[in-house]
Protein backbone atom coordinates (compact mmCIF):
# COMPACT_ATOMS: atom_id res chain seq x y z
CA MET A 1 40.28 149.89 189.62
CA ASN A 2 36.60 148.95 189.34
CA ALA A 3 35.59 146.94 192.37
CA ASN A 4 33.96 144.36 190.12
CA ALA A 5 37.03 143.98 187.90
CA SER A 6 39.32 141.05 188.70
CA ALA A 7 43.09 141.49 188.67
CA PRO A 8 44.24 141.05 185.04
CA ASP A 9 47.12 138.88 183.87
CA MET A 10 49.86 141.41 183.32
CA THR A 11 52.67 138.91 182.55
CA ILE A 12 54.53 139.16 179.33
CA PRO A 13 56.64 136.50 177.56
CA LEU A 14 59.72 138.24 176.23
CA GLY A 15 62.64 136.54 174.57
CA GLY A 16 63.11 133.63 177.03
CA LEU A 17 61.80 135.57 180.01
CA THR A 18 58.40 136.01 181.53
CA LEU A 19 58.13 139.57 182.89
CA LYS A 20 55.60 140.16 185.65
CA ASN A 21 54.31 143.15 183.61
CA PRO A 22 55.37 145.12 180.49
CA VAL A 23 56.57 148.29 182.30
CA LEU A 24 60.34 148.70 182.64
CA THR A 25 62.60 151.72 183.20
CA ALA A 26 65.08 152.94 180.63
CA SER A 27 68.84 152.84 181.13
CA GLY A 28 70.26 156.18 182.23
CA THR A 29 66.99 157.52 183.70
CA PHE A 30 66.61 155.42 186.79
CA GLY A 31 70.08 155.06 188.22
CA TYR A 32 70.65 151.54 189.48
CA GLY A 33 67.06 151.34 190.78
CA LEU A 34 68.08 151.78 194.43
CA GLU A 35 67.78 155.52 194.13
CA TYR A 36 63.99 155.26 193.77
CA ASP A 37 63.51 153.01 196.85
CA ASP A 38 62.08 155.84 198.92
CA PHE A 39 59.23 156.36 196.41
CA PHE A 40 57.96 152.88 195.72
CA ASP A 41 58.93 149.14 195.59
CA VAL A 42 60.74 149.02 192.30
CA ALA A 43 60.42 145.20 192.34
CA GLU A 44 56.76 145.79 191.36
CA LEU A 45 57.93 146.87 187.82
CA GLY A 46 58.49 144.44 184.95
CA GLY A 47 62.19 145.28 185.31
CA ILE A 48 64.81 148.03 185.51
CA CYS A 49 67.59 148.64 182.94
CA THR A 50 70.67 149.80 184.71
CA LYS A 51 72.82 152.77 183.84
CA GLY A 52 75.11 151.79 180.98
CA LEU A 53 77.96 149.75 182.49
CA SER A 54 81.51 149.91 181.18
CA LEU A 55 84.55 147.86 182.15
CA LYS A 56 86.01 150.73 184.13
CA PRO A 57 84.27 153.59 185.96
CA ARG A 58 83.47 156.59 183.72
CA ALA A 59 83.08 160.24 184.78
CA GLY A 60 81.19 161.05 181.61
CA ASN A 61 81.16 164.39 179.80
CA PRO A 62 81.88 167.74 181.43
CA PRO A 63 78.91 170.05 182.29
CA GLU A 64 76.54 171.29 181.13
CA ARG A 65 75.17 167.87 180.34
CA ILE A 66 71.33 168.35 180.29
CA CYS A 67 68.99 171.00 179.01
CA GLU A 68 65.30 171.27 178.53
CA THR A 69 63.68 171.55 175.14
CA ALA A 70 60.07 172.54 174.10
CA ALA A 71 58.95 168.91 174.22
CA GLY A 72 61.56 166.94 176.10
CA MET A 73 65.19 167.23 176.91
CA LEU A 74 68.70 166.92 175.53
CA ASN A 75 71.30 164.99 177.39
CA ALA A 76 74.99 164.40 176.87
CA ILE A 77 75.85 162.58 180.13
CA GLY A 78 78.48 160.49 178.35
CA LEU A 79 77.61 157.17 180.11
CA ALA A 80 78.93 158.11 183.54
CA ASN A 81 78.84 155.00 185.67
CA VAL A 82 80.50 153.12 188.62
CA GLY A 83 81.94 150.34 186.36
CA VAL A 84 80.87 146.73 186.10
CA GLU A 85 82.94 145.56 189.07
CA ALA A 86 81.39 148.01 191.51
CA PHE A 87 77.93 147.29 190.14
CA CYS A 88 78.35 143.57 190.60
CA THR A 89 79.72 143.81 194.15
CA GLU A 90 77.81 146.76 195.57
CA LYS A 91 74.62 147.30 193.64
CA LEU A 92 73.49 144.02 192.23
CA PRO A 93 73.40 142.13 195.60
CA VAL A 94 70.90 144.65 197.02
CA LEU A 95 68.72 144.45 193.92
CA ARG A 96 68.86 140.66 194.05
CA ARG A 97 67.78 140.54 197.68
CA ARG A 98 64.83 142.83 196.91
CA GLY A 99 63.57 140.68 194.01
CA VAL A 100 64.12 143.31 191.28
CA THR A 101 64.22 142.06 187.68
CA VAL A 102 67.51 143.54 186.55
CA VAL A 103 68.48 144.13 182.90
CA ALA A 104 72.18 145.01 182.71
CA ASN A 105 72.85 147.65 180.05
CA ILE A 106 76.37 147.44 178.86
CA PHE A 107 78.53 149.76 176.70
CA ALA A 108 82.04 149.34 175.15
CA THR A 109 84.19 150.70 172.47
CA SER A 110 85.28 147.38 171.11
CA ILE A 111 83.79 143.94 170.54
CA ASP A 112 86.43 142.41 172.94
CA ASP A 113 85.28 144.72 175.70
CA PHE A 114 81.64 143.92 175.08
CA VAL A 115 82.55 140.21 175.37
CA GLU A 116 84.40 140.79 178.59
CA LEU A 117 81.51 142.77 180.07
CA ALA A 118 79.04 140.08 179.13
CA ARG A 119 81.22 137.39 180.72
CA ARG A 120 81.40 139.37 183.95
CA ILE A 121 77.65 139.94 184.05
CA ASP A 122 76.91 136.33 183.18
CA ALA A 123 78.92 135.10 186.12
CA GLU A 124 76.68 136.98 188.62
CA PRO A 125 73.30 135.58 189.74
CA GLY A 126 70.39 138.03 189.72
CA VAL A 127 70.61 139.48 186.19
CA ALA A 128 67.69 138.62 183.96
CA ALA A 129 69.07 139.89 180.60
CA ILE A 130 71.76 141.94 178.95
CA GLU A 131 70.98 145.03 176.95
CA LEU A 132 73.64 146.06 174.40
CA ASN A 133 73.98 149.80 174.06
CA VAL A 134 75.27 150.11 170.51
CA SER A 135 73.50 153.34 169.85
CA CYS A 136 74.59 156.08 172.33
CA PRO A 137 74.96 159.35 170.41
CA ASN A 138 76.88 161.16 173.20
CA VAL A 139 80.28 159.43 173.16
CA ASP A 140 83.24 159.55 170.79
CA LYS A 141 83.58 155.84 170.22
CA GLY A 142 81.48 152.73 170.60
CA GLY A 143 78.12 154.38 169.98
CA LEU A 144 76.61 155.03 166.59
CA GLU A 145 79.36 153.24 164.60
CA PHE A 146 78.06 149.94 165.99
CA GLY A 147 74.35 150.70 165.96
CA CYS A 148 74.05 152.21 162.53
CA ASP A 149 75.73 149.44 160.53
CA PRO A 150 74.02 146.04 160.27
CA ARG A 151 77.20 144.08 159.99
CA ALA A 152 78.91 145.88 162.96
CA ALA A 153 75.75 145.46 165.06
CA ALA A 154 75.49 141.79 164.20
CA ASN A 155 79.18 141.25 165.02
CA VAL A 156 78.73 142.65 168.55
CA THR A 157 75.53 140.63 169.05
CA ALA A 158 77.07 137.36 167.89
CA ALA A 159 80.16 137.86 170.05
CA VAL A 160 78.13 138.44 173.16
CA ARG A 161 75.62 135.75 172.30
CA ALA A 162 78.55 133.23 172.26
CA VAL A 163 79.62 133.87 175.83
CA THR A 164 76.39 134.24 177.79
CA LYS A 165 73.33 132.19 178.62
CA LEU A 166 71.30 135.28 179.41
CA PRO A 167 68.82 136.80 176.93
CA VAL A 168 70.47 139.46 174.78
CA TRP A 169 68.63 142.65 173.91
CA VAL A 170 70.05 145.18 171.42
CA LYS A 171 69.26 148.87 171.80
CA MET A 172 68.55 150.42 168.37
CA SER A 173 69.58 153.78 167.02
CA PRO A 174 66.93 155.90 165.26
CA GLU A 175 69.81 157.32 163.16
CA ALA A 176 70.48 154.03 161.33
CA GLY A 177 69.84 154.48 157.63
CA ASP A 178 68.35 150.97 157.48
CA ILE A 179 67.04 150.28 160.93
CA LYS A 180 65.07 147.26 159.72
CA GLY A 181 68.25 145.86 158.28
CA VAL A 182 70.08 146.41 161.56
CA GLY A 183 67.21 144.67 163.45
CA LEU A 184 67.20 141.71 161.10
CA ALA A 185 70.97 141.42 161.35
CA CYS A 186 70.85 141.39 165.12
CA GLN A 187 68.07 138.80 165.08
CA GLU A 188 70.05 136.55 162.81
CA ALA A 189 73.11 137.02 165.08
CA GLY A 190 71.22 135.69 168.03
CA ALA A 191 69.48 138.71 169.67
CA ASP A 192 66.48 137.71 171.79
CA ALA A 193 64.88 141.15 171.64
CA LEU A 194 65.29 144.67 170.33
CA THR A 195 64.91 147.91 172.30
CA ALA A 196 63.64 150.73 170.13
CA ILE A 197 64.67 153.45 170.21
CA ASN A 198 67.60 155.27 171.71
CA THR A 199 67.77 159.10 171.64
CA ILE A 200 68.33 161.04 168.44
CA ARG A 201 70.98 163.78 168.19
CA GLY A 202 69.86 167.30 168.68
CA LEU A 203 71.24 170.77 169.35
CA ALA A 204 70.20 173.75 171.54
CA ILE A 205 71.85 177.17 171.43
CA ASP A 206 72.10 179.79 174.16
CA LEU A 207 71.00 183.11 172.71
CA ARG A 208 72.94 185.10 175.32
CA THR A 209 76.32 183.50 174.47
CA TYR A 210 75.69 182.12 170.97
CA ARG A 211 77.16 178.86 172.22
CA PRO A 212 75.58 175.40 172.44
CA LYS A 213 73.83 174.84 175.76
CA LEU A 214 75.66 171.55 176.23
CA ALA A 215 79.41 171.23 176.68
CA ASN A 216 79.34 168.33 174.24
CA ARG A 217 77.58 170.64 171.79
CA THR A 218 75.04 167.99 170.68
CA GLY A 219 72.99 165.66 172.90
CA GLY A 220 70.41 162.94 172.71
CA LEU A 221 66.83 164.19 172.39
CA SER A 222 64.26 162.32 174.46
CA GLY A 223 60.81 162.75 175.88
CA PRO A 224 57.44 163.44 174.13
CA ALA A 225 59.05 164.83 171.00
CA LEU A 226 60.54 161.39 170.25
CA LYS A 227 57.30 159.35 170.65
CA PRO A 228 55.86 159.59 167.14
CA ILE A 229 59.23 158.61 165.62
CA ALA A 230 59.62 155.75 168.13
CA LEU A 231 56.14 154.46 167.43
CA ARG A 232 56.82 154.43 163.71
CA ILE A 233 60.04 152.59 164.11
CA VAL A 234 58.56 150.00 166.49
CA TRP A 235 55.76 149.42 164.01
CA GLU A 236 58.19 149.01 161.14
CA LEU A 237 60.48 146.69 163.13
CA SER A 238 57.53 144.54 164.26
CA ARG A 239 56.67 143.81 160.59
CA ALA A 240 60.26 142.87 159.81
CA VAL A 241 61.45 140.75 162.76
CA THR A 242 60.05 137.91 164.73
CA ILE A 243 61.80 138.51 168.05
CA PRO A 244 60.09 140.83 170.68
CA ILE A 245 60.55 144.62 170.74
CA ILE A 246 60.73 146.79 173.76
CA GLY A 247 59.36 150.23 172.99
CA ILE A 248 60.98 153.40 174.31
CA GLY A 249 60.67 157.02 173.51
CA GLY A 250 58.23 159.45 175.18
CA VAL A 251 56.45 156.89 177.42
CA ALA A 252 54.99 158.94 180.26
CA THR A 253 51.45 157.54 180.66
CA ALA A 254 49.55 154.29 180.36
CA GLU A 255 48.03 155.62 177.12
CA ASP A 256 51.60 156.01 175.74
CA ALA A 257 52.40 152.49 176.76
CA ILE A 258 49.25 151.12 175.22
CA GLU A 259 50.10 152.75 171.91
CA PHE A 260 53.53 151.11 171.86
CA LEU A 261 51.99 147.70 172.63
CA LEU A 262 49.40 148.13 169.84
CA ALA A 263 52.16 149.20 167.43
CA GLY A 264 54.10 145.97 168.01
CA ALA A 265 56.07 146.28 171.28
CA SER A 266 55.90 143.52 173.84
CA ALA A 267 56.97 145.89 176.69
CA VAL A 268 57.90 149.50 177.21
CA GLN A 269 60.60 151.46 178.96
CA VAL A 270 59.83 154.63 180.84
CA GLY A 271 62.71 157.13 180.55
CA THR A 272 62.64 160.90 180.66
CA ALA A 273 59.36 160.95 182.58
CA ASN A 274 61.30 159.59 185.59
CA PHE A 275 63.15 162.90 185.93
CA ALA A 276 59.91 164.91 186.11
CA ASP A 277 58.13 162.42 188.38
CA PRO A 278 59.90 159.67 190.30
CA LEU A 279 56.53 157.79 190.45
CA ALA A 280 56.08 157.91 186.69
CA SER A 281 56.79 154.22 186.09
CA LYS A 282 54.54 153.17 189.00
CA LYS A 283 51.77 155.32 187.66
CA VAL A 284 52.06 153.90 184.16
CA LEU A 285 51.84 150.38 185.56
CA THR A 286 48.89 151.17 187.85
CA ASP A 287 46.91 152.84 185.06
CA LEU A 288 47.77 150.16 182.56
CA THR A 289 46.63 147.44 185.01
CA ARG A 290 43.35 149.37 185.48
CA TYR A 291 42.83 149.65 181.73
CA CYS A 292 43.26 145.90 181.23
CA ALA A 293 41.03 145.06 184.21
CA GLU A 294 38.20 147.27 183.01
CA ARG A 295 38.30 145.58 179.60
CA ASN A 296 38.86 142.08 181.01
CA ILE A 297 41.93 141.50 178.87
CA ARG A 298 45.50 140.42 179.45
CA ALA A 299 48.29 142.83 178.88
CA ARG A 300 49.66 140.58 176.18
CA ASP A 301 46.42 140.89 174.26
CA LEU A 302 47.39 144.40 173.35
CA ILE A 303 50.61 143.40 171.61
CA ARG A 304 50.46 144.00 167.79
CA ALA A 305 46.71 144.63 168.09
CA MET A 306 46.70 147.79 165.96
CA ARG A 307 44.16 147.44 163.10
């Protein structure tokens, strides 16, 4: 940072919260946050989104579950996680003591289970918001059928909104035929913010065996290939809804983050880049802070500033 530049205001108002900065990590790419402790103080970030939490522990899909693509990766992890009870008793207390802003990403196959998960999370101190994963493309039930239908997405949102005091974020699917309609329905049902976007289904084939490279056959495409699609959707959603948007999809640098803010996002989530570089999120924050300092602007001044 320029020695003459003062520290900029990086705080971001977001759906009832004030984040210390607009850089978060994406669910499923950062474990439970504790795994990255040896690399940097994760409490410096605007927040971490946990691995998707279910009522019971999940083993996920059989291997192979990840493969590289020309401009990103395909994953079909299948929402493997320790379960909400183990998270609340084993992981969350450590995150709370370290001052990490925690967003609990939750997944279920029924509205009743979403409600039970939200109630359990709401009972624990130390969670800043709940992110509803209604858009995972790598599970048989509970993924796209919620996230691609405005009424279904609204029903989940309203049911969770009724049982928690925490801000509710809804993670959007790029495969929704009317993603603006889904966003508006979630807003009307009480969502405090939208996360856009989740991965999009893709396929890779092994030319030696003529079989899909993933045991699940298809997987969610993430990384740089997703960024132009994600930017377009964030821009479209920002013109349709009034609640904040968290941009996700190919964020690997501060320049990527700035583009999302300009397009209409209030914050970003760093995802696939964490696999290539465990310091990716920290570097995005450092470089974004430098950018704001050199221009004597606040981070929030970039939001929806595209001309």
